[in-house]
Amino acid sequence: MATSVPVILLRPASSGRRLPHAIVARAAIWFRRMRERSRMRRQAVAMLAVMSERDLNDMAVSWSDIENEINKPFWRE
């Protein structure tokens, strides 16, 4: 007497199931990009903060430019 073994058929995920994965992947990319942008901005501001007035004038940067950069939200370029 042969016993029957249940067969489980695996089918590919429908396109509706892949959408959440794509959203999560894009959100992760966006998050990494914003974190990197924030880190780079903090480093730039730290470098500018230790420069002399003469160094800033040579680069055509004013203290108001630095203040604007500090106050800019991280998601803006």
PDB file of N, CA and C in Angstrom:
ATOM      1  N   MET A   1       0.845  -1.162   0.000  1.00  0.00           N
ATOM      2  CA  MET A   1       0.000   0.000   0.000  1.00  0.00           C
ATOM      3  C   MET A   1       0.899   1.237   0.000  1.00  0.00           C
ATOM      4  N   ALA A   2       0.730   2.069  -0.976  1.00  0.00           N
ATOM      5  CA  ALA A   2       1.542   3.273  -1.109  1.00  0.00           C
ATOM      6  C   ALA A   2       0.881   4.414  -0.348  1.00  0.00           C
ATOM      7  N   THR A   3       1.691   5.152   0.363  1.00  0.00           N
ATOM      8  CA  THR A   3       1.146   6.313   1.069  1.00  0.00           C
ATOM      9  C   THR A   3       1.359   7.541   0.207  1.00  0.00           C
ATOM     10  N   SER A   4       0.424   8.414   0.239  1.00  0.00           N
ATOM     11  CA  SER A   4       0.555   9.630  -0.564  1.00  0.00           C
ATOM     12  C   SER A   4       1.293  10.692   0.239  1.00  0.00           C
ATOM     13  N   VAL A   5       2.197  11.365  -0.419  1.00  0.00           N
ATOM     14  CA  VAL A   5       2.974  12.431   0.194  1.00  0.00           C
ATOM     15  C   VAL A   5       2.400  13.753  -0.292  1.00  0.00           C
ATOM     16  N   PRO A   6       2.060  14.635   0.611  1.00  0.00           N
ATOM     17  CA  PRO A   6       1.516  15.908   0.152  1.00  0.00           C
ATOM     18  C   PRO A   6       2.568  16.694  -0.633  1.00  0.00           C
ATOM     19  N   VAL A   7       2.142  17.284  -1.683  1.00  0.00           N
ATOM     20  CA  VAL A   7       3.030  18.066  -2.541  1.00  0.00           C
ATOM     21  C   VAL A   7       2.737  19.533  -2.297  1.00  0.00           C
ATOM     22  N   ILE A   8       3.781  20.261  -1.991  1.00  0.00           N
ATOM     23  CA  ILE A   8       3.634  21.696  -1.775  1.00  0.00           C
ATOM     24  C   ILE A   8       4.197  22.394  -3.002  1.00  0.00           C
ATOM     25  N   LEU A   9       3.344  23.074  -3.668  1.00  0.00           N
ATOM     26  CA  LEU A   9       3.779  23.799  -4.860  1.00  0.00           C
ATOM     27  C   LEU A   9       4.181  25.212  -4.459  1.00  0.00           C
ATOM     28  N   LEU A  10       5.369  25.583  -4.845  1.00  0.00           N
ATOM     29  CA  LEU A  10       5.830  26.939  -4.588  1.00  0.00           C
ATOM     30  C   LEU A  10       5.667  27.734  -5.871  1.00  0.00           C
ATOM     31  N   ARG A  11       5.000  28.818  -5.766  1.00  0.00           N
ATOM     32  CA  ARG A  11       4.831  29.647  -6.949  1.00  0.00           C
ATOM     33  C   ARG A  11       5.503  30.991  -6.705  1.00  0.00           C
ATOM     34  N   PRO A  12       5.936  31.617  -7.765  1.00  0.00           N
ATOM     35  CA  PRO A  12       6.595  32.907  -7.592  1.00  0.00           C
ATOM     36  C   PRO A  12       5.633  33.934  -7.008  1.00  0.00           C
ATOM     37  N   ALA A  13       6.193  34.847  -6.287  1.00  0.00           N
ATOM     38  CA  ALA A  13       5.367  35.886  -5.673  1.00  0.00           C
ATOM     39  C   ALA A  13       4.730  36.732  -6.758  1.00  0.00           C
ATOM     40  N   SER A  14       3.527  37.123  -6.505  1.00  0.00           N
ATOM     41  CA  SER A  14       2.861  37.989  -7.470  1.00  0.00           C
ATOM     42  C   SER A  14       3.482  39.380  -7.395  1.00  0.00           C
ATOM     43  N   SER A  15       3.234  40.190  -8.403  1.00  0.00           N
ATOM     44  CA  SER A  15       3.826  41.527  -8.424  1.00  0.00           C
ATOM     45  C   SER A  15       3.342  42.358  -7.242  1.00  0.00           C
ATOM     46  N   GLY A  16       2.163  42.081  -6.729  1.00  0.00           N
ATOM     47  CA  GLY A  16       1.661  42.802  -5.572  1.00  0.00           C
ATOM     48  C   GLY A  16       2.461  42.509  -4.316  1.00  0.00           C
ATOM     49  N   ARG A  17       3.016  41.313  -4.243  1.00  0.00           N
ATOM     50  CA  ARG A  17       3.807  40.950  -3.070  1.00  0.00           C
ATOM     51  C   ARG A  17       5.204  41.561  -3.126  1.00  0.00           C
ATOM     52  N   ARG A  18       5.694  41.843  -4.311  1.00  0.00           N
ATOM     53  CA  ARG A  18       7.033  42.405  -4.437  1.00  0.00           C
ATOM     54  C   ARG A  18       7.050  43.895  -4.144  1.00  0.00           C
ATOM     55  N   LEU A  19       5.928  44.546  -4.243  1.00  0.00           N
ATOM     56  CA  LEU A  19       5.860  45.986  -4.032  1.00  0.00           C
ATOM     57  C   LEU A  19       6.346  46.405  -2.656  1.00  0.00           C
ATOM     58  N   PRO A  20       5.929  45.761  -1.559  1.00  0.00           N
ATOM     59  CA  PRO A  20       6.461  46.166  -0.251  1.00  0.00           C
ATOM     60  C   PRO A  20       7.978  46.037  -0.172  1.00  0.00           C
ATOM     61  N   HIS A  21       8.547  45.014  -0.804  1.00  0.00           N
ATOM     62  CA  HIS A  21       9.998  44.853  -0.784  1.00  0.00           C
ATOM     63  C   HIS A  21      10.673  46.003  -1.509  1.00  0.00           C
ATOM     64  N   ALA A  22      10.095  46.423  -2.623  1.00  0.00           N
ATOM     65  CA  ALA A  22      10.664  47.536  -3.380  1.00  0.00           C
ATOM     66  C   ALA A  22      10.586  48.826  -2.576  1.00  0.00           C
ATOM     67  N   ILE A  23       9.499  49.018  -1.867  1.00  0.00           N
ATOM     68  CA  ILE A  23       9.340  50.217  -1.052  1.00  0.00           C
ATOM     69  C   ILE A  23      10.365  50.217   0.078  1.00  0.00           C
ATOM     70  N   VAL A  24      10.538  49.085   0.726  1.00  0.00           N
ATOM     71  CA  VAL A  24      11.516  48.986   1.812  1.00  0.00           C
ATOM     72  C   VAL A  24      12.926  49.207   1.274  1.00  0.00           C
ATOM     73  N   ALA A  25      13.230  48.648   0.117  1.00  0.00           N
ATOM     74  CA  ALA A  25      14.563  48.820  -0.475  1.00  0.00           C
ATOM     75  C   ALA A  25      14.820  50.284  -0.805  1.00  0.00           C
ATOM     76  N   ARG A  26      13.842  50.957  -1.387  1.00  0.00           N
ATOM     77  CA  ARG A  26      14.011  52.378  -1.716  1.00  0.00           C
ATOM     78  C   ARG A  26      14.122  53.225  -0.459  1.00  0.00           C
ATOM     79  N   ALA A  27      13.357  52.883   0.552  1.00  0.00           N
ATOM     80  CA  ALA A  27      13.435  53.627   1.817  1.00  0.00           C
ATOM     81  C   ALA A  27      14.809  53.453   2.443  1.00  0.00           C
ATOM     82  N   ALA A  28      15.370  52.266   2.367  1.00  0.00           N
ATOM     83  CA  ALA A  28      16.705  52.027   2.919  1.00  0.00           C
ATOM     84  C   ALA A  28      17.759  52.825   2.160  1.00  0.00           C
ATOM     85  N   ILE A  29      17.648  52.879   0.850  1.00  0.00           N
ATOM     86  CA  ILE A  29      18.579  53.675   0.038  1.00  0.00           C
ATOM     87  C   ILE A  29      18.461  55.145   0.404  1.00  0.00           C
ATOM     88  N   TRP A  30      17.232  55.632   0.512  1.00  0.00           N
ATOM     89  CA  TRP A  30      17.003  57.041   0.857  1.00  0.00           C
ATOM     90  C   TRP A  30      17.580  57.343   2.242  1.00  0.00           C
ATOM     91  N   PHE A  31      17.359  56.445   3.191  1.00  0.00           N
ATOM     92  CA  PHE A  31      17.861  56.653   4.552  1.00  0.00           C
ATOM     93  C   PHE A  31      19.384  56.722   4.566  1.00  0.00           C
ATOM     94  N   ARG A  32      20.039  55.802   3.849  1.00  0.00           N
ATOM     95  CA  ARG A  32      21.510  55.831   3.786  1.00  0.00           C
ATOM     96  C   ARG A  32      22.010  57.121   3.141  1.00  0.00           C
ATOM     97  N   ARG A  33      21.334  57.557   2.087  1.00  0.00           N
ATOM     98  CA  ARG A  33      21.732  58.795   1.404  1.00  0.00           C
ATOM     99  C   ARG A  33      21.585  59.999   2.332  1.00  0.00           C
ATOM    100  N   MET A  34      20.500  60.074   3.083  1.00  0.00           N
ATOM    101  CA  MET A  34      20.290  61.194   3.991  1.00  0.00           C
ATOM    102  C   MET A  34      21.285  61.166   5.151  1.00  0.00           C
ATOM    103  N   ARG A  35      21.592  59.971   5.639  1.00  0.00           N
ATOM    104  CA  ARG A  35      22.571  59.851   6.722  1.00  0.00           C
ATOM    105  C   ARG A  35      23.955  60.290   6.252  1.00  0.00           C
ATOM    106  N   GLU A  36      24.321  59.888   5.036  1.00  0.00           N
ATOM    107  CA  GLU A  36      25.612  60.289   4.475  1.00  0.00           C
ATOM    108  C   GLU A  36      25.659  61.800   4.243  1.00  0.00           C
ATOM    109  N   ARG A  37      24.572  62.356   3.718  1.00  0.00           N
ATOM    110  CA  ARG A  37      24.514  63.801   3.491  1.00  0.00           C
ATOM    111  C   ARG A  37      24.644  64.567   4.803  1.00  0.00           C
ATOM    112  N   SER A  38      23.994  64.091   5.838  1.00  0.00           N
ATOM    113  CA  SER A  38      24.072  64.733   7.147  1.00  0.00           C
ATOM    114  C   SER A  38      25.491  64.659   7.704  1.00  0.00           C
ATOM    115  N   ARG A  39      26.129  63.503   7.563  1.00  0.00           N
ATOM    116  CA  ARG A  39      27.499  63.336   8.044  1.00  0.00           C
ATOM    117  C   ARG A  39      28.456  64.267   7.302  1.00  0.00           C
ATOM    118  N   MET A  40      28.316  64.356   5.990  1.00  0.00           N
ATOM    119  CA  MET A  40      29.188  65.217   5.201  1.00  0.00           C
ATOM    120  C   MET A  40      28.994  66.687   5.572  1.00  0.00           C
ATOM    121  N   ARG A  41      27.753  67.083   5.815  1.00  0.00           N
ATOM    122  CA  ARG A  41      27.481  68.468   6.188  1.00  0.00           C
ATOM    123  C   ARG A  41      28.098  68.803   7.543  1.00  0.00           C
ATOM    124  N   ARG A  42      27.977  67.879   8.504  1.00  0.00           N
ATOM    125  CA  ARG A  42      28.591  68.104   9.818  1.00  0.00           C
ATOM    126  C   ARG A  42      30.105  68.247   9.706  1.00  0.00           C
ATOM    127  N   GLN A  43      30.727  67.421   8.872  1.00  0.00           N
ATOM    128  CA  GLN A  43      32.176  67.508   8.687  1.00  0.00           C
ATOM    129  C   GLN A  43      32.570  68.831   8.051  1.00  0.00           C
ATOM    130  N   ALA A  44      31.828  69.269   7.053  1.00  0.00           N
ATOM    131  CA  ALA A  44      32.137  70.530   6.377  1.00  0.00           C
ATOM    132  C   ALA A  44      31.994  71.704   7.334  1.00  0.00           C
ATOM    133  N   VAL A  45      30.946  71.702   8.120  1.00  0.00           N
ATOM    134  CA  VAL A  45      30.728  72.788   9.082  1.00  0.00           C
ATOM    135  C   VAL A  45      31.838  72.789  10.125  1.00  0.00           C
ATOM    136  N   ALA A  46      32.260  71.624  10.577  1.00  0.00           N
ATOM    137  CA  ALA A  46      33.346  71.542  11.557  1.00  0.00           C
ATOM    138  C   ALA A  46      34.648  72.090  10.981  1.00  0.00           C
ATOM    139  N   MET A  47      34.910  71.807   9.708  1.00  0.00           N
ATOM    140  CA  MET A  47      36.120  72.331   9.077  1.00  0.00           C
ATOM    141  C   MET A  47      36.045  73.847   8.920  1.00  0.00           C
ATOM    142  N   LEU A  48      34.880  74.356   8.546  1.00  0.00           N
ATOM    143  CA  LEU A  48      34.728  75.801   8.374  1.00  0.00           C
ATOM    144  C   LEU A  48      34.812  76.536   9.707  1.00  0.00           C
ATOM    145  N   ALA A  49      34.367  75.906  10.764  1.00  0.00           N
ATOM    146  CA  ALA A  49      34.329  76.558  12.073  1.00  0.00           C
ATOM    147  C   ALA A  49      35.717  76.891  12.599  1.00  0.00           C
ATOM    148  N   VAL A  50      36.733  76.134  12.198  1.00  0.00           N
ATOM    149  CA  VAL A  50      38.077  76.379  12.711  1.00  0.00           C
ATOM    150  C   VAL A  50      38.903  77.288  11.795  1.00  0.00           C
ATOM    151  N   MET A  51      38.328  77.720  10.681  1.00  0.00           N
ATOM    152  CA  MET A  51      39.060  78.580   9.744  1.00  0.00           C
ATOM    153  C   MET A  51      39.043  80.029  10.202  1.00  0.00           C
ATOM    154  N   SER A  52      40.071  80.727   9.808  1.00  0.00           N
ATOM    155  CA  SER A  52      40.147  82.152  10.143  1.00  0.00           C
ATOM    156  C   SER A  52      39.296  82.963   9.166  1.00  0.00           C
ATOM    157  N   GLU A  53      39.074  84.196   9.528  1.00  0.00           N
ATOM    158  CA  GLU A  53      38.312  85.100   8.666  1.00  0.00           C
ATOM    159  C   GLU A  53      39.000  85.248   7.306  1.00  0.00           C
ATOM    160  N   ARG A  54      40.316  85.291   7.313  1.00  0.00           N
ATOM    161  CA  ARG A  54      41.067  85.431   6.060  1.00  0.00           C
ATOM    162  C   ARG A  54      40.880  84.201   5.171  1.00  0.00           C
ATOM    163  N   ASP A  55      40.928  83.000   5.779  1.00  0.00           N
ATOM    164  CA  ASP A  55      40.708  81.770   5.009  1.00  0.00           C
ATOM    165  C   ASP A  55      39.318  81.763   4.380  1.00  0.00           C
ATOM    166  N   LEU A  56      38.331  82.186   5.155  1.00  0.00           N
ATOM    167  CA  LEU A  56      36.962  82.226   4.634  1.00  0.00           C
ATOM    168  C   LEU A  56      36.842  83.232   3.498  1.00  0.00           C
ATOM    169  N   ASN A  57      37.491  84.396   3.634  1.00  0.00           N
ATOM    170  CA  ASN A  57      37.456  85.390   2.559  1.00  0.00           C
ATOM    171  C   ASN A  57      38.122  84.861   1.296  1.00  0.00           C
ATOM    172  N   ASP A  58      39.216  84.113   1.443  1.00  0.00           N
ATOM    173  CA  ASP A  58      39.888  83.524   0.282  1.00  0.00           C
ATOM    174  C   ASP A  58      38.968  82.563  -0.477  1.00  0.00           C
ATOM    175  N   MET A  59      38.083  81.897   0.247  1.00  0.00           N
ATOM    176  CA  MET A  59      37.146  80.956  -0.379  1.00  0.00           C
ATOM    177  C   MET A  59      35.827  81.632  -0.744  1.00  0.00           C
ATOM    178  N   ALA A  60      35.709  82.921  -0.484  1.00  0.00           N
ATOM    179  CA  ALA A  60      34.482  83.684  -0.739  1.00  0.00           C
ATOM    180  C   ALA A  60      33.305  83.107   0.043  1.00  0.00           C
ATOM    181  N   VAL A  61      33.558  82.766   1.306  1.00  0.00           N
ATOM    182  CA  VAL A  61      32.529  82.237   2.202  1.00  0.00           C
ATOM    183  C   VAL A  61      32.406  83.193   3.379  1.00  0.00           C
ATOM    184  N   SER A  62      31.177  83.529   3.735  1.00  0.00           N
ATOM    185  CA  SER A  62      30.958  84.406   4.884  1.00  0.00           C
ATOM    186  C   SER A  62      30.383  83.603   6.040  1.00  0.00           C
ATOM    187  N   TRP A  63      30.384  84.210   7.209  1.00  0.00           N
ATOM    188  CA  TRP A  63      29.800  83.541   8.374  1.00  0.00           C
ATOM    189  C   TRP A  63      28.303  83.322   8.181  1.00  0.00           C
ATOM    190  N   SER A  64      27.649  84.213   7.437  1.00  0.00           N
ATOM    191  CA  SER A  64      26.214  84.001   7.179  1.00  0.00           C
ATOM    192  C   SER A  64      25.997  82.792   6.268  1.00  0.00           C
ATOM    193  N   ASP A  65      26.924  82.551   5.326  1.00  0.00           N
ATOM    194  CA  ASP A  65      26.841  81.341   4.498  1.00  0.00           C
ATOM    195  C   ASP A  65      26.954  80.089   5.367  1.00  0.00           C
ATOM    196  N   ILE A  66      27.867  80.136   6.322  1.00  0.00           N
ATOM    197  CA  ILE A  66      28.059  78.997   7.229  1.00  0.00           C
ATOM    198  C   ILE A  66      26.805  78.799   8.080  1.00  0.00           C
ATOM    199  N   GLU A  67      26.248  79.902   8.571  1.00  0.00           N
ATOM    200  CA  GLU A  67      25.034  79.798   9.384  1.00  0.00           C
ATOM    201  C   GLU A  67      23.876  79.220   8.572  1.00  0.00           C
ATOM    202  N   ASN A  68      23.746  79.661   7.317  1.00  0.00           N
ATOM    203  CA  ASN A  68      22.692  79.110   6.458  1.00  0.00           C
ATOM    204  C   ASN A  68      22.878  77.610   6.250  1.00  0.00           C
ATOM    205  N   GLU A  69      24.116  77.191   6.088  1.00  0.00           N
ATOM    206  CA  GLU A  69      24.397  75.765   5.898  1.00  0.00           C
ATOM    207  C   GLU A  69      24.086  74.967   7.158  1.00  0.00           C
ATOM    208  N   ILE A  70      24.406  75.528   8.306  1.00  0.00           N
ATOM    209  CA  ILE A  70      24.122  74.852   9.574  1.00  0.00           C
ATOM    210  C   ILE A  70      22.623  74.678   9.782  1.00  0.00           C
ATOM    211  N   ASN A  71      21.856  75.698   9.434  1.00  0.00           N
ATOM    212  CA  ASN A  71      20.416  75.673   9.680  1.00  0.00           C
ATOM    213  C   ASN A  71      19.623  74.941   8.609  1.00  0.00           C
ATOM    214  N   LYS A  72      20.272  74.513   7.540  1.00  0.00           N
ATOM    215  CA  LYS A  72      19.577  73.826   6.460  1.00  0.00           C
ATOM    216  C   LYS A  72      19.216  72.407   6.886  1.00  0.00           C
ATOM    217  N   PRO A  73      17.995  71.959   6.628  1.00  0.00           N
ATOM    218  CA  PRO A  73      17.628  70.575   6.963  1.00  0.00           C
ATOM    219  C   PRO A  73      18.485  69.580   6.164  1.00  0.00           C
ATOM    220  N   PHE A  74      18.745  68.420   6.742  1.00  0.00           N
ATOM    221  CA  PHE A  74      19.650  67.466   6.114  1.00  0.00           C
ATOM    222  C   PHE A  74      19.137  66.938   4.791  1.00  0.00           C
ATOM    223  N   TRP A  75      17.834  66.989   4.550  1.00  0.00           N
ATOM    224  CA  TRP A  75      17.306  66.429   3.309  1.00  0.00           C
ATOM    225  C   TRP A  75      17.447  67.390   2.135  1.00  0.00           C
ATOM    226  N   ARG A  76      17.867  68.608   2.383  1.00  0.00           N
ATOM    227  CA  ARG A  76      18.115  69.559   1.288  1.00  0.00           C
ATOM    228  C   ARG A  76      19.580  69.528   0.925  1.00  0.00           C
ATOM    229  N   GLU A  77      19.831  69.664  -0.364  1.00  0.00           N
ATOM    230  CA  GLU A  77      21.228  69.662  -0.820  1.00  0.00           C
ATOM    231  C   GLU A  77      21.850  71.005  -0.655  1.00  0.00           C
TER     232      GLU A  77
END
